[in-house]
Amino acid sequence: MPFNNYDIYLPLNYNNGQLIESEKFKITKDELISRFGGLSTIPGGSAFIEGWWKRGDIIMKDRIVIYRVQVAGEYDDPFWPAYKEILKQRFNQQEILIQIHPVNNV
């Protein structure tokens, strides 16, 4: 059976710069661990990743953490589109990036 890593990019701040409440991350972490049996954060600890993107003529900057879960099965699980909508509402975002990476175990 194939395995895939699902990387969920979560912002640390709302669009107005205010920190997102830690409880929202805890809820998300608990949901994912309950459903998939485990979770990793990238980077670990209290570190974060900086990301930039262009919207029109403005360059946007974000601080993010990535939640990674490893899942057995194919890409077409209907859980993911529905969960993405939950995360968009929970974190008050227009978009949440979820990337899927096939795992090749050696």
PDB file of N, CA and C in Angstrom:
ATOM      1  N   MET A   1       0.844  -1.193   0.000  1.00  0.00           N
ATOM      2  CA  MET A   1       0.000   0.000   0.000  1.00  0.00           C
ATOM      3  C   MET A   1       0.884   1.249   0.000  1.00  0.00           C
ATOM      4  N   PRO A   2       0.582   2.221  -0.844  1.00  0.00           N
ATOM      5  CA  PRO A   2       1.397   3.444  -0.889  1.00  0.00           C
ATOM      6  C   PRO A   2       1.162   4.317   0.345  1.00  0.00           C
ATOM      7  N   PHE A   3       2.198   5.070   0.693  1.00  0.00           N
ATOM      8  CA  PHE A   3       2.097   6.053   1.768  1.00  0.00           C
ATOM      9  C   PHE A   3       2.347   7.430   1.180  1.00  0.00           C
ATOM     10  N   ASN A   4       1.677   8.424   1.763  1.00  0.00           N
ATOM     11  CA  ASN A   4       1.860   9.808   1.348  1.00  0.00           C
ATOM     12  C   ASN A   4       2.024  10.683   2.582  1.00  0.00           C
ATOM     13  N   ASN A   5       2.909  11.665   2.483  1.00  0.00           N
ATOM     14  CA  ASN A   5       2.992  12.710   3.498  1.00  0.00           C
ATOM     15  C   ASN A   5       2.081  13.849   3.069  1.00  0.00           C
ATOM     16  N   TYR A   6       1.271  14.310   3.985  1.00  0.00           N
ATOM     17  CA  TYR A   6       0.434  15.486   3.775  1.00  0.00           C
ATOM     18  C   TYR A   6       1.031  16.609   4.616  1.00  0.00           C
ATOM     19  N   ASP A   7       1.495  17.668   3.962  1.00  0.00           N
ATOM     20  CA  ASP A   7       2.074  18.833   4.634  1.00  0.00           C
ATOM     21  C   ASP A   7       1.038  19.951   4.634  1.00  0.00           C
ATOM     22  N   ILE A   8       0.648  20.366   5.831  1.00  0.00           N
ATOM     23  CA  ILE A   8      -0.373  21.397   6.009  1.00  0.00           C
ATOM     24  C   ILE A   8       0.334  22.660   6.492  1.00  0.00           C
ATOM     25  N   TYR A   9       0.321  23.696   5.682  1.00  0.00           N
ATOM     26  CA  TYR A   9       0.996  24.958   5.983  1.00  0.00           C
ATOM     27  C   TYR A   9       0.040  25.853   6.771  1.00  0.00           C
ATOM     28  N   LEU A  10       0.388  26.114   8.025  1.00  0.00           N
ATOM     29  CA  LEU A  10      -0.475  26.919   8.894  1.00  0.00           C
ATOM     30  C   LEU A  10       0.209  28.230   9.259  1.00  0.00           C
ATOM     31  N   PRO A  11      -0.483  29.345   9.082  1.00  0.00           N
ATOM     32  CA  PRO A  11       0.105  30.645   9.432  1.00  0.00           C
ATOM     33  C   PRO A  11       0.122  30.832  10.946  1.00  0.00           C
ATOM     34  N   LEU A  12       1.118  31.542  11.434  1.00  0.00           N
ATOM     35  CA  LEU A  12       1.201  31.849  12.857  1.00  0.00           C
ATOM     36  C   LEU A  12       0.495  33.156  13.204  1.00  0.00           C
ATOM     37  N   ASN A  13       0.218  33.966  12.178  1.00  0.00           N
ATOM     38  CA  ASN A  13      -0.417  35.263  12.395  1.00  0.00           C
ATOM     39  C   ASN A  13      -1.621  35.413  11.475  1.00  0.00           C
ATOM     40  N   TYR A  14      -2.617  36.147  11.975  1.00  0.00           N
ATOM     41  CA  TYR A  14      -3.718  36.567  11.113  1.00  0.00           C
ATOM     42  C   TYR A  14      -3.190  37.602  10.116  1.00  0.00           C
ATOM     43  N   ASN A  15      -3.981  37.939   9.128  1.00  0.00           N
ATOM     44  CA  ASN A  15      -3.552  38.905   8.107  1.00  0.00           C
ATOM     45  C   ASN A  15      -3.267  40.290   8.686  1.00  0.00           C
ATOM     46  N   ASN A  16      -3.877  40.615   9.845  1.00  0.00           N
ATOM     47  CA  ASN A  16      -3.618  41.915  10.476  1.00  0.00           C
ATOM     48  C   ASN A  16      -2.362  41.904  11.348  1.00  0.00           C
ATOM     49  N   GLY A  17      -1.645  40.766  11.391  1.00  0.00           N
ATOM     50  CA  GLY A  17      -0.406  40.665  12.150  1.00  0.00           C
ATOM     51  C   GLY A  17      -0.564  40.077  13.536  1.00  0.00           C
ATOM     52  N   GLN A  18      -1.802  40.029  14.054  1.00  0.00           N
ATOM     53  CA  GLN A  18      -2.038  39.479  15.389  1.00  0.00           C
ATOM     54  C   GLN A  18      -1.735  37.981  15.405  1.00  0.00           C
ATOM     55  N   LEU A  19      -1.121  37.504  16.506  1.00  0.00           N
ATOM     56  CA  LEU A  19      -0.830  36.082  16.649  1.00  0.00           C
ATOM     57  C   LEU A  19      -2.118  35.270  16.690  1.00  0.00           C
ATOM     58  N   ILE A  20      -2.107  34.140  16.012  1.00  0.00           N
ATOM     59  CA  ILE A  20      -3.231  33.212  16.074  1.00  0.00           C
ATOM     60  C   ILE A  20      -3.155  32.477  17.406  1.00  0.00           C
ATOM     61  N   GLU A  21      -4.290  32.303  18.042  1.00  0.00           N
ATOM     62  CA  GLU A  21      -4.365  31.693  19.359  1.00  0.00           C
ATOM     63  C   GLU A  21      -3.801  30.271  19.335  1.00  0.00           C
ATOM     64  N   SER A  22      -3.002  29.932  20.345  1.00  0.00           N
ATOM     65  CA  SER A  22      -2.368  28.611  20.419  1.00  0.00           C
ATOM     66  C   SER A  22      -3.394  27.488  20.495  1.00  0.00           C
ATOM     67  N   GLU A  23      -4.565  27.757  21.024  1.00  0.00           N
ATOM     68  CA  GLU A  23      -5.607  26.728  21.127  1.00  0.00           C
ATOM     69  C   GLU A  23      -6.013  26.194  19.750  1.00  0.00           C
ATOM     70  N   LYS A  24      -5.983  27.048  18.730  1.00  0.00           N
ATOM     71  CA  LYS A  24      -6.349  26.607  17.373  1.00  0.00           C
ATOM     72  C   LYS A  24      -5.344  25.588  16.844  1.00  0.00           C
ATOM     73  N   PHE A  25      -4.072  25.767  17.180  1.00  0.00           N
ATOM     74  CA  PHE A  25      -3.053  24.803  16.773  1.00  0.00           C
ATOM     75  C   PHE A  25      -3.211  23.495  17.549  1.00  0.00           C
ATOM     76  N   LYS A  26      -3.534  23.604  18.836  1.00  0.00           N
ATOM     77  CA  LYS A  26      -3.726  22.409  19.659  1.00  0.00           C
ATOM     78  C   LYS A  26      -4.902  21.585  19.154  1.00  0.00           C
ATOM     79  N   ILE A  27      -6.010  22.241  18.835  1.00  0.00           N
ATOM     80  CA  ILE A  27      -7.182  21.541  18.306  1.00  0.00           C
ATOM     81  C   ILE A  27      -6.817  20.811  17.022  1.00  0.00           C
ATOM     82  N   THR A  28      -6.119  21.505  16.133  1.00  0.00           N
ATOM     83  CA  THR A  28      -5.731  20.919  14.849  1.00  0.00           C
ATOM     84  C   THR A  28      -4.801  19.734  15.065  1.00  0.00           C
ATOM     85  N   LYS A  29      -3.807  19.905  15.913  1.00  0.00           N
ATOM     86  CA  LYS A  29      -2.865  18.825  16.222  1.00  0.00           C
ATOM     87  C   LYS A  29      -3.608  17.610  16.779  1.00  0.00           C
ATOM     88  N   ASP A  30      -4.500  17.839  17.735  1.00  0.00           N
ATOM     89  CA  ASP A  30      -5.249  16.737  18.348  1.00  0.00           C
ATOM     90  C   ASP A  30      -6.128  16.016  17.339  1.00  0.00           C
ATOM     91  N   GLU A  31      -6.771  16.771  16.445  1.00  0.00           N
ATOM     92  CA  GLU A  31      -7.610  16.156  15.405  1.00  0.00           C
ATOM     93  C   GLU A  31      -6.786  15.246  14.495  1.00  0.00           C
ATOM     94  N   LEU A  32      -5.635  15.747  14.059  1.00  0.00           N
ATOM     95  CA  LEU A  32      -4.803  14.982  13.127  1.00  0.00           C
ATOM     96  C   LEU A  32      -4.200  13.746  13.788  1.00  0.00           C
ATOM     97  N   ILE A  33      -3.752  13.882  15.027  1.00  0.00           N
ATOM     98  CA  ILE A  33      -3.201  12.723  15.734  1.00  0.00           C
ATOM     99  C   ILE A  33      -4.292  11.683  15.959  1.00  0.00           C
ATOM    100  N   SER A  34      -5.471  12.135  16.318  1.00  0.00           N
ATOM    101  CA  SER A  34      -6.583  11.210  16.542  1.00  0.00           C
ATOM    102  C   SER A  34      -6.931  10.445  15.268  1.00  0.00           C
ATOM    103  N   ARG A  35      -6.945  11.129  14.143  1.00  0.00           N
ATOM    104  CA  ARG A  35      -7.340  10.492  12.877  1.00  0.00           C
ATOM    105  C   ARG A  35      -6.227   9.635  12.274  1.00  0.00           C
ATOM    106  N   PHE A  36      -4.973  10.122  12.328  1.00  0.00           N
ATOM    107  CA  PHE A  36      -3.888   9.461  11.602  1.00  0.00           C
ATOM    108  C   PHE A  36      -2.847   8.795  12.504  1.00  0.00           C
ATOM    109  N   GLY A  37      -2.951   8.969  13.812  1.00  0.00           N
ATOM    110  CA  GLY A  37      -2.065   8.267  14.725  1.00  0.00           C
ATOM    111  C   GLY A  37      -0.735   8.940  14.987  1.00  0.00           C
ATOM    112  N   GLY A  38      -0.476  10.073  14.390  1.00  0.00           N
ATOM    113  CA  GLY A  38       0.781  10.768  14.622  1.00  0.00           C
ATOM    114  C   GLY A  38       0.858  12.057  13.831  1.00  0.00           C
ATOM    115  N   LEU A  39       1.867  12.860  14.156  1.00  0.00           N
ATOM    116  CA  LEU A  39       2.042  14.157  13.505  1.00  0.00           C
ATOM    117  C   LEU A  39       3.457  14.639  13.762  1.00  0.00           C
ATOM    118  N   SER A  40       4.043  15.295  12.787  1.00  0.00           N
ATOM    119  CA  SER A  40       5.331  15.975  12.953  1.00  0.00           C
ATOM    120  C   SER A  40       5.136  17.441  12.620  1.00  0.00           C
ATOM    121  N   THR A  41       5.946  18.297  13.252  1.00  0.00           N
ATOM    122  CA  THR A  41       5.925  19.704  12.893  1.00  0.00           C
ATOM    123  C   THR A  41       7.251  20.062  12.241  1.00  0.00           C
ATOM    124  N   ILE A  42       7.173  20.907  11.252  1.00  0.00           N
ATOM    125  CA  ILE A  42       8.354  21.375  10.537  1.00  0.00           C
ATOM    126  C   ILE A  42       8.314  22.899  10.560  1.00  0.00           C
ATOM    127  N   PRO A  43       9.294  23.579  11.061  1.00  0.00           N
ATOM    128  CA  PRO A  43      10.361  23.027  11.875  1.00  0.00           C
ATOM    129  C   PRO A  43       9.805  22.624  13.232  1.00  0.00           C
ATOM    130  N   GLY A  44      10.617  21.982  14.033  1.00  0.00           N
ATOM    131  CA  GLY A  44      10.180  21.535  15.355  1.00  0.00           C
ATOM    132  C   GLY A  44      10.291  22.642  16.387  1.00  0.00           C
ATOM    133  N   GLY A  45       9.749  22.390  17.548  1.00  0.00           N
ATOM    134  CA  GLY A  45       9.847  23.337  18.653  1.00  0.00           C
ATOM    135  C   GLY A  45       9.106  24.628  18.383  1.00  0.00           C
ATOM    136  N   SER A  46       9.682  25.729  18.805  1.00  0.00           N
ATOM    137  CA  SER A  46       9.031  27.031  18.652  1.00  0.00           C
ATOM    138  C   SER A  46       9.516  27.784  17.416  1.00  0.00           C
ATOM    139  N   ALA A  47      10.277  27.120  16.557  1.00  0.00           N
ATOM    140  CA  ALA A  47      10.783  27.765  15.336  1.00  0.00           C
ATOM    141  C   ALA A  47       9.656  27.904  14.316  1.00  0.00           C
ATOM    142  N   PHE A  48       9.892  28.697  13.298  1.00  0.00           N
ATOM    143  CA  PHE A  48       8.915  28.876  12.226  1.00  0.00           C
ATOM    144  C   PHE A  48       9.644  29.060  10.910  1.00  0.00           C
ATOM    145  N   ILE A  49       8.876  28.952   9.837  1.00  0.00           N
ATOM    146  CA  ILE A  49       9.374  29.176   8.482  1.00  0.00           C
ATOM    147  C   ILE A  49       8.819  30.508   8.010  1.00  0.00           C
ATOM    148  N   GLU A  50       9.622  31.278   7.279  1.00  0.00           N
ATOM    149  CA  GLU A  50       9.119  32.498   6.661  1.00  0.00           C
ATOM    150  C   GLU A  50       8.821  32.213   5.200  1.00  0.00           C
ATOM    151  N   GLY A  51       7.706  32.721   4.739  1.00  0.00           N
ATOM    152  CA  GLY A  51       7.336  32.578   3.341  1.00  0.00           C
ATOM    153  C   GLY A  51       6.943  33.922   2.761  1.00  0.00           C
ATOM    154  N   TRP A  52       7.201  34.105   1.482  1.00  0.00           N
ATOM    155  CA  TRP A  52       6.844  35.339   0.785  1.00  0.00           C
ATOM    156  C   TRP A  52       6.095  34.982  -0.479  1.00  0.00           C
ATOM    157  N   TRP A  53       5.152  35.811  -0.856  1.00  0.00           N
ATOM    158  CA  TRP A  53       4.472  35.660  -2.129  1.00  0.00           C
ATOM    159  C   TRP A  53       4.002  37.032  -2.585  1.00  0.00           C
ATOM    160  N   LYS A  54       3.733  37.115  -3.869  1.00  0.00           N
ATOM    161  CA  LYS A  54       3.358  38.389  -4.466  1.00  0.00           C
ATOM    162  C   LYS A  54       1.858  38.400  -4.739  1.00  0.00           C
ATOM    163  N   ARG A  55       1.201  39.460  -4.302  1.00  0.00           N
ATOM    164  CA  ARG A  55      -0.215  39.699  -4.585  1.00  0.00           C
ATOM    165  C   ARG A  55      -0.302  41.059  -5.256  1.00  0.00           C
ATOM    166  N   GLY A  56      -0.490  41.032  -6.586  1.00  0.00           N
ATOM    167  CA  GLY A  56      -0.428  42.280  -7.341  1.00  0.00           C
ATOM    168  C   GLY A  56       0.984  42.827  -7.287  1.00  0.00           C
ATOM    169  N   ASP A  57       1.116  44.086  -6.836  1.00  0.00           N
ATOM    170  CA  ASP A  57       2.432  44.708  -6.708  1.00  0.00           C
ATOM    171  C   ASP A  57       2.985  44.625  -5.285  1.00  0.00           C
ATOM    172  N   ILE A  58       2.260  43.957  -4.405  1.00  0.00           N
ATOM    173  CA  ILE A  58       2.652  43.892  -2.998  1.00  0.00           C
ATOM    174  C   ILE A  58       3.262  42.528  -2.697  1.00  0.00           C
ATOM    175  N   ILE A  59       4.386  42.537  -1.992  1.00  0.00           N
ATOM    176  CA  ILE A  59       4.998  41.287  -1.548  1.00  0.00           C
ATOM    177  C   ILE A  59       4.514  41.010  -0.124  1.00  0.00           C
ATOM    178  N   MET A  60       3.881  39.870   0.051  1.00  0.00           N
ATOM    179  CA  MET A  60       3.329  39.462   1.339  1.00  0.00           C
ATOM    180  C   MET A  60       4.343  38.572   2.046  1.00  0.00           C
ATOM    181  N   LYS A  61       4.367  38.644   3.363  1.00  0.00           N
ATOM    182  CA  LYS A  61       5.264  37.820   4.170  1.00  0.00           C
ATOM    183  C   LYS A  61       4.430  37.095   5.219  1.00  0.00           C
ATOM    184  N   ASP A  62       4.777  35.841   5.451  1.00  0.00           N
ATOM    185  CA  ASP A  62       4.053  35.046   6.424  1.00  0.00           C
ATOM    186  C   ASP A  62       5.034  34.239   7.250  1.00  0.00           C
ATOM    187  N   ARG A  63       4.677  33.990   8.491  1.00  0.00           N
ATOM    188  CA  ARG A  63       5.401  33.048   9.349  1.00  0.00           C
ATOM    189  C   ARG A  63       4.516  31.822   9.463  1.00  0.00           C
ATOM    190  N   ILE A  64       5.078  30.658   9.189  1.00  0.00           N
ATOM    191  CA  ILE A  64       4.262  29.448   9.159  1.00  0.00           C
ATOM    192  C   ILE A  64       4.933  28.303   9.910  1.00  0.00           C
ATOM    193  N   VAL A  65       4.115  27.320  10.228  1.00  0.00           N
ATOM    194  CA  VAL A  65       4.556  26.028  10.712  1.00  0.00           C
ATOM    195  C   VAL A  65       3.879  24.993   9.818  1.00  0.00           C
ATOM    196  N   ILE A  66       4.546  23.891   9.591  1.00  0.00           N
ATOM    197  CA  ILE A  66       3.975  22.822   8.761  1.00  0.00           C
ATOM    198  C   ILE A  66       3.658  21.640   9.666  1.00  0.00           C
ATOM    199  N   TYR A  67       2.412  21.177   9.592  1.00  0.00           N
ATOM    200  CA  TYR A  67       2.007  19.934  10.251  1.00  0.00           C
ATOM    201  C   TYR A  67       2.054  18.839   9.194  1.00  0.00           C
ATOM    202  N   ARG A  68       2.789  17.762   9.481  1.00  0.00           N
ATOM    203  CA  ARG A  68       2.922  16.656   8.526  1.00  0.00           C
ATOM    204  C   ARG A  68       2.322  15.395   9.126  1.00  0.00           C
ATOM    205  N   VAL A  69       1.465  14.741   8.331  1.00  0.00           N
ATOM    206  CA  VAL A  69       0.953  13.429   8.701  1.00  0.00           C
ATOM    207  C   VAL A  69       1.270  12.464   7.572  1.00  0.00           C
ATOM    208  N   GLN A  70       1.588  11.227   7.952  1.00  0.00           N
ATOM    209  CA  GLN A  70       1.832  10.190   6.949  1.00  0.00           C
ATOM    210  C   GLN A  70       0.600   9.303   6.896  1.00  0.00           C
ATOM    211  N   VAL A  71       0.111   9.094   5.666  1.00  0.00           N
ATOM    212  CA  VAL A  71      -1.163   8.413   5.472  1.00  0.00           C
ATOM    213  C   VAL A  71      -0.993   7.276   4.477  1.00  0.00           C
ATOM    214  N   ALA A  72      -1.540   6.124   4.827  1.00  0.00           N
ATOM    215  CA  ALA A  72      -1.586   5.008   3.894  1.00  0.00           C
ATOM    216  C   ALA A  72      -2.786   5.207   2.975  1.00  0.00           C
ATOM    217  N   GLY A  73      -2.583   5.029   1.681  1.00  0.00           N
ATOM    218  CA  GLY A  73      -3.692   5.145   0.741  1.00  0.00           C
ATOM    219  C   GLY A  73      -3.417   6.141  -0.366  1.00  0.00           C
ATOM    220  N   GLU A  74      -4.415   6.316  -1.203  1.00  0.00           N
ATOM    221  CA  GLU A  74      -4.313   7.160  -2.385  1.00  0.00           C
ATOM    222  C   GLU A  74      -4.633   8.614  -2.072  1.00  0.00           C
ATOM    223  N   TYR A  75      -4.426   9.484  -3.077  1.00  0.00           N
ATOM    224  CA  TYR A  75      -4.620  10.926  -2.932  1.00  0.00           C
ATOM    225  C   TYR A  75      -6.078  11.360  -2.818  1.00  0.00           C
ATOM    226  N   ASP A  76      -7.006  10.550  -3.237  1.00  0.00           N
ATOM    227  CA  ASP A  76      -8.378  11.025  -3.425  1.00  0.00           C
ATOM    228  C   ASP A  76      -9.268  10.889  -2.189  1.00  0.00           C
ATOM    229  N   ASP A  77      -8.701  10.846  -1.011  1.00  0.00           N
ATOM    230  CA  ASP A  77      -9.483  10.757   0.217  1.00  0.00           C
ATOM    231  C   ASP A  77     -10.346  12.009   0.356  1.00  0.00           C
ATOM    232  N   PRO A  78     -11.678  11.876   0.456  1.00  0.00           N
ATOM    233  CA  PRO A  78     -12.553  13.049   0.553  1.00  0.00           C
ATOM    234  C   PRO A  78     -12.391  13.831   1.859  1.00  0.00           C
ATOM    235  N   PHE A  79     -11.665  13.269   2.813  1.00  0.00           N
ATOM    236  CA  PHE A  79     -11.409  13.982   4.062  1.00  0.00           C
ATOM    237  C   PHE A  79     -10.696  15.304   3.805  1.00  0.00           C
ATOM    238  N   TRP A  80      -9.711  15.321   2.907  1.00  0.00           N
ATOM    239  CA  TRP A  80      -8.827  16.479   2.772  1.00  0.00           C
ATOM    240  C   TRP A  80      -9.504  17.751   2.275  1.00  0.00           C
ATOM    241  N   PRO A  81     -10.320  17.711   1.221  1.00  0.00           N
ATOM    242  CA  PRO A  81     -10.989  18.961   0.815  1.00  0.00           C
ATOM    243  C   PRO A  81     -11.897  19.524   1.913  1.00  0.00           C
ATOM    244  N   ALA A  82     -12.596  18.643   2.629  1.00  0.00           N
ATOM    245  CA  ALA A  82     -13.481  19.104   3.702  1.00  0.00           C
ATOM    246  C   ALA A  82     -12.661  19.673   4.866  1.00  0.00           C
ATOM    247  N   TYR A  83     -11.558  19.020   5.207  1.00  0.00           N
ATOM    248  CA  TYR A  83     -10.732  19.489   6.322  1.00  0.00           C
ATOM    249  C   TYR A  83     -10.059  20.813   5.982  1.00  0.00           C
ATOM    250  N   LYS A  84      -9.679  20.986   4.731  1.00  0.00           N
ATOM    251  CA  LYS A  84      -9.084  22.251   4.297  1.00  0.00           C
ATOM    252  C   LYS A  84     -10.055  23.406   4.544  1.00  0.00           C
ATOM    253  N   GLU A  85     -11.328  23.200   4.263  1.00  0.00           N
ATOM    254  CA  GLU A  85     -12.332  24.247   4.511  1.00  0.00           C
ATOM    255  C   GLU A  85     -12.446  24.554   6.001  1.00  0.00           C
ATOM    256  N   ILE A  86     -12.388  23.532   6.831  1.00  0.00           N
ATOM    257  CA  ILE A  86     -12.419  23.732   8.287  1.00  0.00           C
ATOM    258  C   ILE A  86     -11.226  24.578   8.716  1.00  0.00           C
ATOM    259  N   LEU A  87     -10.047  24.257   8.199  1.00  0.00           N
ATOM    260  CA  LEU A  87      -8.842  25.008   8.566  1.00  0.00           C
ATOM    261  C   LEU A  87      -8.902  26.454   8.082  1.00  0.00           C
ATOM    262  N   LYS A  88      -9.428  26.679   6.891  1.00  0.00           N
ATOM    263  CA  LYS A  88      -9.552  28.048   6.381  1.00  0.00           C
ATOM    264  C   LYS A  88     -10.422  28.876   7.323  1.00  0.00           C
ATOM    265  N   GLN A  89     -11.502  28.292   7.798  1.00  0.00           N
ATOM    266  CA  GLN A  89     -12.370  29.017   8.735  1.00  0.00           C
ATOM    267  C   GLN A  89     -11.702  29.185  10.097  1.00  0.00           C
ATOM    268  N   ARG A  90     -11.106  28.103  10.597  1.00  0.00           N
ATOM    269  CA  ARG A  90     -10.490  28.141  11.934  1.00  0.00           C
ATOM    270  C   ARG A  90      -9.384  29.188  12.013  1.00  0.00           C
ATOM    271  N   PHE A  91      -8.556  29.277  10.963  1.00  0.00           N
ATOM    272  CA  PHE A  91      -7.420  30.190  10.970  1.00  0.00           C
ATOM    273  C   PHE A  91      -7.719  31.506  10.246  1.00  0.00           C
ATOM    274  N   ASN A  92      -8.978  31.679   9.839  1.00  0.00           N
ATOM    275  CA  ASN A  92      -9.434  32.915   9.185  1.00  0.00           C
ATOM    276  C   ASN A  92      -8.551  33.270   7.986  1.00  0.00           C
ATOM    277  N   GLN A  93      -8.413  32.303   7.072  1.00  0.00           N
ATOM    278  CA  GLN A  93      -7.554  32.461   5.902  1.00  0.00           C
ATOM    279  C   GLN A  93      -8.356  32.256   4.626  1.00  0.00           C
ATOM    280  N   GLN A  94      -7.974  32.957   3.576  1.00  0.00           N
ATOM    281  CA  GLN A  94      -8.594  32.744   2.267  1.00  0.00           C
ATOM    282  C   GLN A  94      -8.132  31.429   1.665  1.00  0.00           C
ATOM    283  N   GLU A  95      -6.934  31.002   2.039  1.00  0.00           N
ATOM    284  CA  GLU A  95      -6.377  29.759   1.490  1.00  0.00           C
ATOM    285  C   GLU A  95      -5.487  29.100   2.529  1.00  0.00           C
ATOM    286  N   ILE A  96      -5.464  27.788   2.521  1.00  0.00           N
ATOM    287  CA  ILE A  96      -4.534  26.976   3.306  1.00  0.00           C
ATOM    288  C   ILE A  96      -3.889  26.017   2.316  1.00  0.00           C
ATOM    289  N   LEU A  97      -2.565  25.978   2.319  1.00  0.00           N
ATOM    290  CA  LEU A  97      -1.843  25.098   1.405  1.00  0.00           C
ATOM    291  C   LEU A  97      -1.680  23.722   2.045  1.00  0.00           C
ATOM    292  N   ILE A  98      -2.068  22.679   1.311  1.00  0.00           N
ATOM    293  CA  ILE A  98      -1.817  21.299   1.711  1.00  0.00           C
ATOM    294  C   ILE A  98      -1.122  20.628   0.538  1.00  0.00           C
ATOM    295  N   GLN A  99       0.115  20.171   0.771  1.00  0.00           N
ATOM    296  CA  GLN A  99       0.883  19.492  -0.270  1.00  0.00           C
ATOM    297  C   GLN A  99       0.941  18.001   0.042  1.00  0.00           C
ATOM    298  N   ILE A 100       0.903  17.193  -1.012  1.00  0.00           N
ATOM    299  CA  ILE A 100       0.970  15.742  -0.889  1.00  0.00           C
ATOM    300  C   ILE A 100       2.280  15.270  -1.516  1.00  0.00           C
ATOM    301  N   HIS A 101       3.021  14.449  -0.755  1.00  0.00           N
ATOM    302  CA  HIS A 101       4.306  13.930  -1.229  1.00  0.00           C
ATOM    303  C   HIS A 101       4.313  12.412  -1.075  1.00  0.00           C
ATOM    304  N   PRO A 102       4.492  11.657  -2.167  1.00  0.00           N
ATOM    305  CA  PRO A 102       4.619  10.217  -2.051  1.00  0.00           C
ATOM    306  C   PRO A 102       5.852   9.844  -1.236  1.00  0.00           C
ATOM    307  N   VAL A 103       5.734   8.810  -0.425  1.00  0.00           N
ATOM    308  CA  VAL A 103       6.832   8.341   0.406  1.00  0.00           C
ATOM    309  C   VAL A 103       7.382   7.060  -0.207  1.00  0.00           C
ATOM    310  N   ASN A 104       8.678   7.063  -0.453  1.00  0.00           N
ATOM    311  CA  ASN A 104       9.357   5.877  -0.966  1.00  0.00           C
ATOM    312  C   ASN A 104      10.242   5.330   0.150  1.00  0.00           C
ATOM    313  N   ASN A 105       9.727   4.366   0.890  1.00  0.00           N
ATOM    314  CA  ASN A 105      10.512   3.783   1.974  1.00  0.00           C
ATOM    315  C   ASN A 105      11.611   2.910   1.426  1.00  0.00           C
ATOM    316  N   VAL A 106      12.787   3.002   2.021  1.00  0.00           N
ATOM    317  CA  VAL A 106      13.932   2.211   1.577  1.00  0.00           C
ATOM    318  C   VAL A 106      14.111   1.039   2.507  1.00  0.00           C
TER     319      VAL A 106
END
